[in-house]
Amino acid sequence: MRWTQEDGAFLRANDPAGDRWFSRDTQAIAGATGLDPVAPWFLDLDRGPGQGAPIGGLTVVSFPNSHLSYALTWFAMAAGLAFLLFFIHRPTDH
């Protein structure tokens, strides 16, 4: 069960006339399709055997785990800076 999404921060505006929905605004969808009353939430369900819809799991957001590459990048930059500081401030023999 998920709460309705009136506006998404990074989503396009819904187009009820074209039946294009970019956010799951249950009240707007109900108004455009003539359904009344509707709940302020929706269900993500998986289809059962022999059923055509709904198809669940489409709202899963996954971000890559790149922490190792970030850490290696920052440590390499720190090592490079330390080398440059040493090279600039190294003792001279005269």
Protein backbone atom coordinates (compact mmCIF):
# COMPACT_ATOMS: atom_id res chain seq x y z
CA MET A 1 0.00 0.00 0.00
CA ARG A 2 1.38 3.39 -0.97
CA TRP A 3 0.07 6.90 -0.45
CA THR A 4 -1.02 8.92 -3.45
CA GLN A 5 1.60 10.99 -5.29
CA GLU A 6 0.08 14.33 -6.23
CA ASP A 7 3.32 15.80 -7.53
CA GLY A 8 6.68 14.21 -8.02
CA ALA A 9 9.79 16.32 -7.56
CA PHE A 10 11.30 15.18 -10.86
CA LEU A 11 8.19 14.04 -12.74
CA ARG A 12 6.43 15.58 -15.70
CA ALA A 13 2.92 16.92 -15.25
CA ASN A 14 0.06 14.47 -15.73
CA ASP A 15 -1.92 14.71 -18.98
CA PRO A 16 -5.47 13.57 -18.15
CA ALA A 17 -6.77 14.45 -21.65
CA GLY A 18 -4.18 12.16 -23.24
CA ASP A 19 -4.56 9.55 -20.47
CA ARG A 20 -0.85 9.88 -19.60
CA TRP A 21 -0.04 9.64 -15.90
CA PHE A 22 3.47 10.32 -14.63
CA SER A 23 2.52 10.40 -10.95
CA ARG A 24 -0.01 8.24 -9.17
CA ASP A 25 -2.47 10.91 -8.13
CA THR A 26 -5.48 8.79 -7.20
CA GLN A 27 -7.91 11.73 -7.01
CA ALA A 28 -6.94 13.09 -10.44
CA ILE A 29 -7.10 9.64 -12.04
CA ALA A 30 -10.50 9.02 -10.42
CA GLY A 31 -11.78 12.38 -11.66
CA ALA A 32 -10.58 11.71 -15.22
CA THR A 33 -12.05 8.19 -15.35
CA GLY A 34 -15.32 8.96 -13.56
CA LEU A 35 -14.61 6.87 -10.48
CA ASP A 36 -15.95 8.15 -7.18
CA PRO A 37 -15.14 7.86 -4.28
CA VAL A 38 -11.57 6.58 -4.17
CA ALA A 39 -9.09 6.00 -1.37
CA PRO A 40 -6.06 8.32 -0.97
CA TRP A 41 -3.73 5.33 -1.50
CA PHE A 42 -3.06 2.65 -4.09
CA LEU A 43 -1.91 -0.95 -3.99
CA ASP A 44 1.11 -2.44 -5.72
CA LEU A 45 0.08 -6.02 -6.41
CA ASP A 46 1.60 -8.94 -8.26
CA ARG A 47 -0.56 -10.76 -10.74
CA GLY A 48 -1.63 -14.23 -9.83
CA PRO A 49 -1.46 -17.34 -12.01
CA GLY A 50 -3.61 -16.95 -15.10
CA GLN A 51 -4.25 -13.23 -14.55
CA GLY A 52 -3.18 -10.44 -16.87
CA ALA A 53 -2.79 -7.53 -14.49
CA PRO A 54 -1.65 -5.82 -12.32
CA ILE A 55 2.09 -6.17 -12.71
CA GLY A 56 3.80 -5.46 -9.40
CA GLY A 57 7.34 -4.43 -8.65
CA LEU A 58 7.50 -1.61 -11.19
CA THR A 59 8.08 1.06 -8.54
CA VAL A 60 11.31 -0.39 -7.20
CA VAL A 61 14.12 2.17 -7.28
CA SER A 62 17.68 0.87 -7.15
CA PHE A 63 20.81 2.97 -6.88
CA PRO A 64 24.25 1.58 -7.71
CA ASN A 65 26.65 1.05 -4.83
CA SER A 66 29.78 2.92 -5.99
CA HIS A 67 31.25 3.69 -2.58
CA LEU A 68 34.49 1.79 -3.20
CA SER A 69 35.25 3.73 -6.38
CA TYR A 70 34.42 7.01 -4.62
CA ALA A 71 36.72 6.12 -1.71
CA LEU A 72 39.56 5.12 -4.05
CA THR A 73 39.14 8.34 -6.01
CA TRP A 74 39.32 10.55 -2.92
CA PHE A 75 42.26 8.65 -1.41
CA ALA A 76 44.11 8.88 -4.72
CA MET A 77 43.48 12.63 -4.86
CA ALA A 78 44.66 13.00 -1.24
CA ALA A 79 47.81 11.01 -2.04
CA GLY A 80 48.42 13.16 -5.11
CA LEU A 81 48.03 16.33 -3.06
CA ALA A 82 50.40 14.99 -0.39
CA PHE A 83 52.97 14.19 -3.10
CA LEU A 84 52.64 17.67 -4.61
CA LEU A 85 53.00 19.36 -1.22
CA PHE A 86 56.07 17.27 -0.46
CA PHE A 87 57.54 18.03 -3.90
CA ILE A 88 56.96 21.77 -3.47
CA HIS A 89 58.34 21.92 0.10
CA ARG A 90 61.14 19.37 -0.22
CA PRO A 91 64.48 20.28 1.31
CA THR A 92 67.09 21.63 -1.07
CA ASP A 93 70.83 20.92 -0.79
CA HIS A 94 72.10 24.48 -1.24
